[in-house]
Amino acid sequence: MPDQKNEPQEEPENENIYPIANWDVGPIEEHQLVVFRPHFISSPGQPAEEAEISRYYAMTIEQAKELRLALESAIIVLQR
């Protein structure tokens, strides 16, 4: 697993950031997976209701728990 630090991140140079406008999340019980499909803004001025819909990404239960903790840690940093 990659090293994940909960420290403020610098914006990567030459890297685009695509704001998430919405998402779909759900379980696939027969495979014990959590799926996530982000809807993202791909160009400035694009309304949220016209967001691009990405492919589904699957993660194990353990990965989903780790993602939850990483998101919570990032929120704590931002709310300081």
PDB file of N, CA and C in Angstrom:
ATOM      1  N   MET A   1       0.838  -1.169   0.000  1.00  0.00           N
ATOM      2  CA  MET A   1       0.000   0.000   0.000  1.00  0.00           C
ATOM      3  C   MET A   1       0.886   1.236   0.000  1.00  0.00           C
ATOM      4  N   PRO A   2       0.513   2.270  -0.783  1.00  0.00           N
ATOM      5  CA  PRO A   2       1.324   3.479  -0.810  1.00  0.00           C
ATOM      6  C   PRO A   2       1.311   4.176   0.539  1.00  0.00           C
ATOM      7  N   ASP A   3       2.386   4.903   0.810  1.00  0.00           N
ATOM      8  CA  ASP A   3       2.493   5.657   2.038  1.00  0.00           C
ATOM      9  C   ASP A   3       1.490   6.804   1.990  1.00  0.00           C
ATOM     10  N   GLN A   4       0.598   6.854   2.955  1.00  0.00           N
ATOM     11  CA  GLN A   4      -0.413   7.898   2.990  1.00  0.00           C
ATOM     12  C   GLN A   4      -0.188   8.746   4.226  1.00  0.00           C
ATOM     13  N   LYS A   5       0.076  10.023   4.020  1.00  0.00           N
ATOM     14  CA  LYS A   5       0.289  10.938   5.126  1.00  0.00           C
ATOM     15  C   LYS A   5      -0.878  11.905   5.161  1.00  0.00           C
ATOM     16  N   ASN A   6      -1.266  12.288   6.347  1.00  0.00           N
ATOM     17  CA  ASN A   6      -2.377  13.208   6.509  1.00  0.00           C
ATOM     18  C   ASN A   6      -1.865  14.613   6.762  1.00  0.00           C
ATOM     19  N   GLU A   7      -0.958  15.044   5.923  1.00  0.00           N
ATOM     20  CA  GLU A   7      -0.399  16.376   6.001  1.00  0.00           C
ATOM     21  C   GLU A   7      -0.921  17.172   4.817  1.00  0.00           C
ATOM     22  N   PRO A   8      -0.972  18.505   4.952  1.00  0.00           N
ATOM     23  CA  PRO A   8      -1.415  19.302   3.803  1.00  0.00           C
ATOM     24  C   PRO A   8      -0.574  18.988   2.570  1.00  0.00           C
ATOM     25  N   GLN A   9      -1.231  18.856   1.452  1.00  0.00           N
ATOM     26  CA  GLN A   9      -0.561  18.519   0.202  1.00  0.00           C
ATOM     27  C   GLN A   9      -0.426  19.776  -0.662  1.00  0.00           C
ATOM     28  N   GLU A  10       0.707  19.912  -1.290  1.00  0.00           N
ATOM     29  CA  GLU A  10       0.897  20.969  -2.268  1.00  0.00           C
ATOM     30  C   GLU A  10       0.194  20.546  -3.553  1.00  0.00           C
ATOM     31  N   GLU A  11      -0.323  21.513  -4.292  1.00  0.00           N
ATOM     32  CA  GLU A  11      -0.920  21.181  -5.581  1.00  0.00           C
ATOM     33  C   GLU A  11       0.193  20.737  -6.517  1.00  0.00           C
ATOM     34  N   PRO A  12       0.077  19.528  -7.094  1.00  0.00           N
ATOM     35  CA  PRO A  12       1.123  19.049  -7.992  1.00  0.00           C
ATOM     36  C   PRO A  12       1.251  19.967  -9.216  1.00  0.00           C
ATOM     37  N   GLU A  13       2.491  20.230  -9.615  1.00  0.00           N
ATOM     38  CA  GLU A  13       2.709  21.050 -10.796  1.00  0.00           C
ATOM     39  C   GLU A  13       2.197  20.324 -12.035  1.00  0.00           C
ATOM     40  N   ASN A  14       1.651  21.073 -12.967  1.00  0.00           N
ATOM     41  CA  ASN A  14       1.148  20.541 -14.229  1.00  0.00           C
ATOM     42  C   ASN A  14       0.083  19.460 -14.026  1.00  0.00           C
ATOM     43  N   GLU A  15      -0.597  19.515 -12.934  1.00  0.00           N
ATOM     44  CA  GLU A  15      -1.614  18.523 -12.610  1.00  0.00           C
ATOM     45  C   GLU A  15      -2.950  19.256 -12.511  1.00  0.00           C
ATOM     46  N   ASN A  16      -3.935  18.785 -13.239  1.00  0.00           N
ATOM     47  CA  ASN A  16      -5.259  19.394 -13.168  1.00  0.00           C
ATOM     48  C   ASN A  16      -6.026  18.828 -11.986  1.00  0.00           C
ATOM     49  N   ILE A  17      -6.835  19.678 -11.387  1.00  0.00           N
ATOM     50  CA  ILE A  17      -7.703  19.244 -10.301  1.00  0.00           C
ATOM     51  C   ILE A  17      -9.129  19.344 -10.807  1.00  0.00           C
ATOM     52  N   TYR A  18      -9.868  18.258 -10.673  1.00  0.00           N
ATOM     53  CA  TYR A  18     -11.245  18.196 -11.139  1.00  0.00           C
ATOM     54  C   TYR A  18     -12.171  18.135  -9.935  1.00  0.00           C
ATOM     55  N   PRO A  19     -12.926  19.205  -9.683  1.00  0.00           N
ATOM     56  CA  PRO A  19     -13.840  19.194  -8.538  1.00  0.00           C
ATOM     57  C   PRO A  19     -14.911  18.112  -8.687  1.00  0.00           C
ATOM     58  N   ILE A  20     -15.225  17.461  -7.591  1.00  0.00           N
ATOM     59  CA  ILE A  20     -16.286  16.456  -7.599  1.00  0.00           C
ATOM     60  C   ILE A  20     -17.607  17.167  -7.346  1.00  0.00           C
ATOM     61  N   ALA A  21     -18.583  16.899  -8.216  1.00  0.00           N
ATOM     62  CA  ALA A  21     -19.899  17.516  -8.112  1.00  0.00           C
ATOM     63  C   ALA A  21     -20.901  16.597  -7.421  1.00  0.00           C
ATOM     64  N   ASN A  22     -20.683  15.313  -7.513  1.00  0.00           N
ATOM     65  CA  ASN A  22     -21.596  14.329  -6.952  1.00  0.00           C
ATOM     66  C   ASN A  22     -20.901  12.976  -7.003  1.00  0.00           C
ATOM     67  N   TRP A  23     -21.544  11.943  -6.539  1.00  0.00           N
ATOM     68  CA  TRP A  23     -20.962  10.608  -6.606  1.00  0.00           C
ATOM     69  C   TRP A  23     -22.042   9.563  -6.391  1.00  0.00           C
ATOM     70  N   ASP A  24     -21.722   8.365  -6.803  1.00  0.00           N
ATOM     71  CA  ASP A  24     -22.541   7.189  -6.524  1.00  0.00           C
ATOM     72  C   ASP A  24     -21.662   6.251  -5.702  1.00  0.00           C
ATOM     73  N   VAL A  25     -22.217   5.723  -4.621  1.00  0.00           N
ATOM     74  CA  VAL A  25     -21.499   4.779  -3.765  1.00  0.00           C
ATOM     75  C   VAL A  25     -22.456   3.662  -3.396  1.00  0.00           C
ATOM     76  N   GLY A  26     -21.945   2.450  -3.394  1.00  0.00           N
ATOM     77  CA  GLY A  26     -22.805   1.348  -2.991  1.00  0.00           C
ATOM     78  C   GLY A  26     -22.033   0.060  -2.812  1.00  0.00           C
ATOM     79  N   PRO A  27     -22.679  -0.923  -2.188  1.00  0.00           N
ATOM     80  CA  PRO A  27     -22.031  -2.213  -1.966  1.00  0.00           C
ATOM     81  C   PRO A  27     -22.319  -3.196  -3.097  1.00  0.00           C
ATOM     82  N   ILE A  28     -21.368  -4.082  -3.319  1.00  0.00           N
ATOM     83  CA  ILE A  28     -21.603  -5.267  -4.146  1.00  0.00           C
ATOM     84  C   ILE A  28     -21.430  -6.430  -3.173  1.00  0.00           C
ATOM     85  N   GLU A  29     -22.551  -6.830  -2.596  1.00  0.00           N
ATOM     86  CA  GLU A  29     -22.514  -7.797  -1.488  1.00  0.00           C
ATOM     87  C   GLU A  29     -21.873  -9.125  -1.870  1.00  0.00           C
ATOM     88  N   GLU A  30     -22.175  -9.642  -3.056  1.00  0.00           N
ATOM     89  CA  GLU A  30     -21.651 -10.959  -3.426  1.00  0.00           C
ATOM     90  C   GLU A  30     -20.129 -10.991  -3.549  1.00  0.00           C
ATOM     91  N   HIS A  31     -19.501  -9.810  -3.716  1.00  0.00           N
ATOM     92  CA  HIS A  31     -18.040  -9.747  -3.806  1.00  0.00           C
ATOM     93  C   HIS A  31     -17.422  -9.007  -2.622  1.00  0.00           C
ATOM     94  N   GLN A  32     -18.268  -8.563  -1.690  1.00  0.00           N
ATOM     95  CA  GLN A  32     -17.799  -7.827  -0.510  1.00  0.00           C
ATOM     96  C   GLN A  32     -16.958  -6.613  -0.907  1.00  0.00           C
ATOM     97  N   LEU A  33     -17.473  -5.843  -1.877  1.00  0.00           N
ATOM     98  CA  LEU A  33     -16.797  -4.651  -2.369  1.00  0.00           C
ATOM     99  C   LEU A  33     -17.674  -3.423  -2.176  1.00  0.00           C
ATOM    100  N   VAL A  34     -17.028  -2.288  -2.068  1.00  0.00           N
ATOM    101  CA  VAL A  34     -17.701  -0.994  -2.091  1.00  0.00           C
ATOM    102  C   VAL A  34     -17.317  -0.353  -3.419  1.00  0.00           C
ATOM    103  N   VAL A  35     -18.303   0.128  -4.155  1.00  0.00           N
ATOM    104  CA  VAL A  35     -18.003   0.800  -5.419  1.00  0.00           C
ATOM    105  C   VAL A  35     -18.262   2.292  -5.274  1.00  0.00           C
ATOM    106  N   PHE A  36     -17.464   3.056  -5.986  1.00  0.00           N
ATOM    107  CA  PHE A  36     -17.512   4.512  -5.958  1.00  0.00           C
ATOM    108  C   PHE A  36     -17.402   5.016  -7.386  1.00  0.00           C
ATOM    109  N   ARG A  37     -18.317   5.905  -7.785  1.00  0.00           N
ATOM    110  CA  ARG A  37     -18.263   6.497  -9.117  1.00  0.00           C
ATOM    111  C   ARG A  37     -18.425   8.011  -8.972  1.00  0.00           C
ATOM    112  N   PRO A  38     -17.329   8.757  -9.110  1.00  0.00           N
ATOM    113  CA  PRO A  38     -17.425  10.214  -8.985  1.00  0.00           C
ATOM    114  C   PRO A  38     -18.004  10.864 -10.236  1.00  0.00           C
ATOM    115  N   HIS A  39     -18.707  11.962 -10.012  1.00  0.00           N
ATOM    116  CA  HIS A  39     -19.166  12.845 -11.085  1.00  0.00           C
ATOM    117  C   HIS A  39     -18.316  14.103 -10.916  1.00  0.00           C
ATOM    118  N   PHE A  40     -17.625  14.529 -11.960  1.00  0.00           N
ATOM    119  CA  PHE A  40     -16.662  15.612 -11.788  1.00  0.00           C
ATOM    120  C   PHE A  40     -16.837  16.701 -12.840  1.00  0.00           C
ATOM    121  N   ILE A  41     -16.379  17.879 -12.456  1.00  0.00           N
ATOM    122  CA  ILE A  41     -16.390  19.046 -13.341  1.00  0.00           C
ATOM    123  C   ILE A  41     -15.090  19.006 -14.139  1.00  0.00           C
ATOM    124  N   SER A  42     -15.214  19.005 -15.469  1.00  0.00           N
ATOM    125  CA  SER A  42     -14.020  18.876 -16.303  1.00  0.00           C
ATOM    126  C   SER A  42     -13.573  20.181 -16.955  1.00  0.00           C
ATOM    127  N   SER A  43     -14.388  21.225 -16.857  1.00  0.00           N
ATOM    128  CA  SER A  43     -13.980  22.505 -17.432  1.00  0.00           C
ATOM    129  C   SER A  43     -14.569  23.646 -16.609  1.00  0.00           C
ATOM    130  N   PRO A  44     -13.855  24.783 -16.567  1.00  0.00           N
ATOM    131  CA  PRO A  44     -14.349  25.929 -15.794  1.00  0.00           C
ATOM    132  C   PRO A  44     -15.736  26.355 -16.293  1.00  0.00           C
ATOM    133  N   GLY A  45     -16.595  26.690 -15.370  1.00  0.00           N
ATOM    134  CA  GLY A  45     -17.930  27.150 -15.730  1.00  0.00           C
ATOM    135  C   GLY A  45     -18.931  26.046 -16.011  1.00  0.00           C
ATOM    136  N   GLN A  46     -18.488  24.816 -15.988  1.00  0.00           N
ATOM    137  CA  GLN A  46     -19.396  23.694 -16.242  1.00  0.00           C
ATOM    138  C   GLN A  46     -20.346  23.543 -15.052  1.00  0.00           C
ATOM    139  N   PRO A  47     -21.663  23.560 -15.296  1.00  0.00           N
ATOM    140  CA  PRO A  47     -22.591  23.401 -14.176  1.00  0.00           C
ATOM    141  C   PRO A  47     -22.542  21.984 -13.601  1.00  0.00           C
ATOM    142  N   ALA A  48     -22.810  21.875 -12.308  1.00  0.00           N
ATOM    143  CA  ALA A  48     -22.747  20.585 -11.621  1.00  0.00           C
ATOM    144  C   ALA A  48     -23.682  19.563 -12.251  1.00  0.00           C
ATOM    145  N   GLU A  49     -24.835  20.004 -12.724  1.00  0.00           N
ATOM    146  CA  GLU A  49     -25.779  19.055 -13.328  1.00  0.00           C
ATOM    147  C   GLU A  49     -25.299  18.500 -14.670  1.00  0.00           C
ATOM    148  N   GLU A  50     -24.229  19.070 -15.210  1.00  0.00           N
ATOM    149  CA  GLU A  50     -23.642  18.558 -16.449  1.00  0.00           C
ATOM    150  C   GLU A  50     -22.282  17.893 -16.193  1.00  0.00           C
ATOM    151  N   ALA A  51     -22.041  17.506 -14.958  1.00  0.00           N
ATOM    152  CA  ALA A  51     -20.757  16.899 -14.593  1.00  0.00           C
ATOM    153  C   ALA A  51     -20.519  15.612 -15.369  1.00  0.00           C
ATOM    154  N   GLU A  52     -19.254  15.350 -15.642  1.00  0.00           N
ATOM    155  CA  GLU A  52     -18.852  14.107 -16.282  1.00  0.00           C
ATOM    156  C   GLU A  52     -19.018  12.978 -15.276  1.00  0.00           C
ATOM    157  N   ILE A  53     -19.458  11.826 -15.724  1.00  0.00           N
ATOM    158  CA  ILE A  53     -19.605  10.675 -14.839  1.00  0.00           C
ATOM    159  C   ILE A  53     -18.480   9.703 -15.141  1.00  0.00           C
ATOM    160  N   SER A  54     -17.698   9.413 -14.122  1.00  0.00           N
ATOM    161  CA  SER A  54     -16.531   8.552 -14.253  1.00  0.00           C
ATOM    162  C   SER A  54     -16.928   7.089 -14.274  1.00  0.00           C
ATOM    163  N   ARG A  55     -15.933   6.242 -14.389  1.00  0.00           N
ATOM    164  CA  ARG A  55     -16.155   4.801 -14.269  1.00  0.00           C
ATOM    165  C   ARG A  55     -16.296   4.438 -12.805  1.00  0.00           C
ATOM    166  N   TYR A  56     -16.752   3.234 -12.546  1.00  0.00           N
ATOM    167  CA  TYR A  56     -16.845   2.738 -11.167  1.00  0.00           C
ATOM    168  C   TYR A  56     -15.467   2.295 -10.695  1.00  0.00           C
ATOM    169  N   TYR A  57     -15.169   2.606  -9.446  1.00  0.00           N
ATOM    170  CA  TYR A  57     -13.954   2.145  -8.798  1.00  0.00           C
ATOM    171  C   TYR A  57     -14.378   1.257  -7.631  1.00  0.00           C
ATOM    172  N   ALA A  58     -13.745   0.100  -7.498  1.00  0.00           N
ATOM    173  CA  ALA A  58     -14.099  -0.848  -6.443  1.00  0.00           C
ATOM    174  C   ALA A  58     -12.989  -0.915  -5.416  1.00  0.00           C
ATOM    175  N   MET A  59     -13.398  -1.080  -4.157  1.00  0.00           N
ATOM    176  CA  MET A  59     -12.430  -1.242  -3.076  1.00  0.00           C
ATOM    177  C   MET A  59     -12.955  -2.254  -2.075  1.00  0.00           C
ATOM    178  N   THR A  60     -12.028  -2.869  -1.389  1.00  0.00           N
ATOM    179  CA  THR A  60     -12.406  -3.817  -0.352  1.00  0.00           C
ATOM    180  C   THR A  60     -12.984  -3.051   0.837  1.00  0.00           C
ATOM    181  N   ILE A  61     -13.577  -3.783   1.746  1.00  0.00           N
ATOM    182  CA  ILE A  61     -14.101  -3.152   2.957  1.00  0.00           C
ATOM    183  C   ILE A  61     -12.975  -2.455   3.715  1.00  0.00           C
ATOM    184  N   GLU A  62     -11.839  -3.113   3.823  1.00  0.00           N
ATOM    185  CA  GLU A  62     -10.704  -2.514   4.532  1.00  0.00           C
ATOM    186  C   GLU A  62     -10.229  -1.235   3.833  1.00  0.00           C
ATOM    187  N   GLN A  63     -10.152  -1.242   2.516  1.00  0.00           N
ATOM    188  CA  GLN A  63      -9.758  -0.035   1.789  1.00  0.00           C
ATOM    189  C   GLN A  63     -10.776   1.085   2.008  1.00  0.00           C
ATOM    190  N   ALA A  64     -12.053   0.763   2.005  1.00  0.00           N
ATOM    191  CA  ALA A  64     -13.090   1.774   2.234  1.00  0.00           C
ATOM    192  C   ALA A  64     -12.946   2.383   3.627  1.00  0.00           C
ATOM    193  N   LYS A  65     -12.637   1.555   4.622  1.00  0.00           N
ATOM    194  CA  LYS A  65     -12.428   2.068   5.978  1.00  0.00           C
ATOM    195  C   LYS A  65     -11.210   2.982   6.030  1.00  0.00           C
ATOM    196  N   GLU A  66     -10.145   2.594   5.344  1.00  0.00           N
ATOM    197  CA  GLU A  66      -8.936   3.429   5.300  1.00  0.00           C
ATOM    198  C   GLU A  66      -9.209   4.746   4.591  1.00  0.00           C
ATOM    199  N   LEU A  67      -9.992   4.692   3.513  1.00  0.00           N
ATOM    200  CA  LEU A  67     -10.361   5.927   2.804  1.00  0.00           C
ATOM    201  C   LEU A  67     -11.170   6.836   3.721  1.00  0.00           C
ATOM    202  N   ARG A  68     -12.121   6.269   4.449  1.00  0.00           N
ATOM    203  CA  ARG A  68     -12.922   7.058   5.388  1.00  0.00           C
ATOM    204  C   ARG A  68     -12.013   7.755   6.396  1.00  0.00           C
ATOM    205  N   LEU A  69     -11.059   7.025   6.966  1.00  0.00           N
ATOM    206  CA  LEU A  69     -10.145   7.614   7.942  1.00  0.00           C
ATOM    207  C   LEU A  69      -9.276   8.706   7.318  1.00  0.00           C
ATOM    208  N   ALA A  70      -8.811   8.473   6.094  1.00  0.00           N
ATOM    209  CA  ALA A  70      -7.984   9.483   5.406  1.00  0.00           C
ATOM    210  C   ALA A  70      -8.790  10.752   5.133  1.00  0.00           C
ATOM    211  N   LEU A  71     -10.043  10.596   4.728  1.00  0.00           N
ATOM    212  CA  LEU A  71     -10.900  11.760   4.496  1.00  0.00           C
ATOM    213  C   LEU A  71     -11.159  12.512   5.798  1.00  0.00           C
ATOM    214  N   GLU A  72     -11.450  11.788   6.867  1.00  0.00           N
ATOM    215  CA  GLU A  72     -11.673  12.418   8.157  1.00  0.00           C
ATOM    216  C   GLU A  72     -10.435  13.166   8.627  1.00  0.00           C
ATOM    217  N   SER A  73      -9.258  12.591   8.435  1.00  0.00           N
ATOM    218  CA  SER A  73      -8.010  13.248   8.827  1.00  0.00           C
ATOM    219  C   SER A  73      -7.774  14.522   8.026  1.00  0.00           C
ATOM    220  N   ALA A  74      -8.051  14.467   6.726  1.00  0.00           N
ATOM    221  CA  ALA A  74      -7.887  15.663   5.889  1.00  0.00           C
ATOM    222  C   ALA A  74      -8.851  16.762   6.310  1.00  0.00           C
ATOM    223  N   ILE A  75     -10.064  16.395   6.664  1.00  0.00           N
ATOM    224  CA  ILE A  75     -11.058  17.378   7.123  1.00  0.00           C
ATOM    225  C   ILE A  75     -10.582  18.035   8.421  1.00  0.00           C
ATOM    226  N   ILE A  76     -10.035  17.241   9.328  1.00  0.00           N
ATOM    227  CA  ILE A  76      -9.523  17.791  10.599  1.00  0.00           C
ATOM    228  C   ILE A  76      -8.432  18.808  10.312  1.00  0.00           C
ATOM    229  N   VAL A  77      -7.521  18.496   9.393  1.00  0.00           N
ATOM    230  CA  VAL A  77      -6.447  19.436   9.049  1.00  0.00           C
ATOM    231  C   VAL A  77      -7.026  20.738   8.509  1.00  0.00           C
ATOM    232  N   LEU A  78      -8.010  20.639   7.644  1.00  0.00           N
ATOM    233  CA  LEU A  78      -8.599  21.833   7.027  1.00  0.00           C
ATOM    234  C   LEU A  78      -9.425  22.662   8.009  1.00  0.00           C
ATOM    235  N   GLN A  79      -9.957  22.031   9.034  1.00  0.00           N
ATOM    236  CA  GLN A  79     -10.794  22.748   9.994  1.00  0.00           C
ATOM    237  C   GLN A  79     -10.019  23.320  11.172  1.00  0.00           C
ATOM    238  N   ARG A  80      -8.719  23.191  11.164  1.00  0.00           N
ATOM    239  CA  ARG A  80      -7.910  23.753  12.264  1.00  0.00           C
ATOM    240  C   ARG A  80      -7.986  25.252  12.282  1.00  0.00           C
TER     241      ARG A  80
END
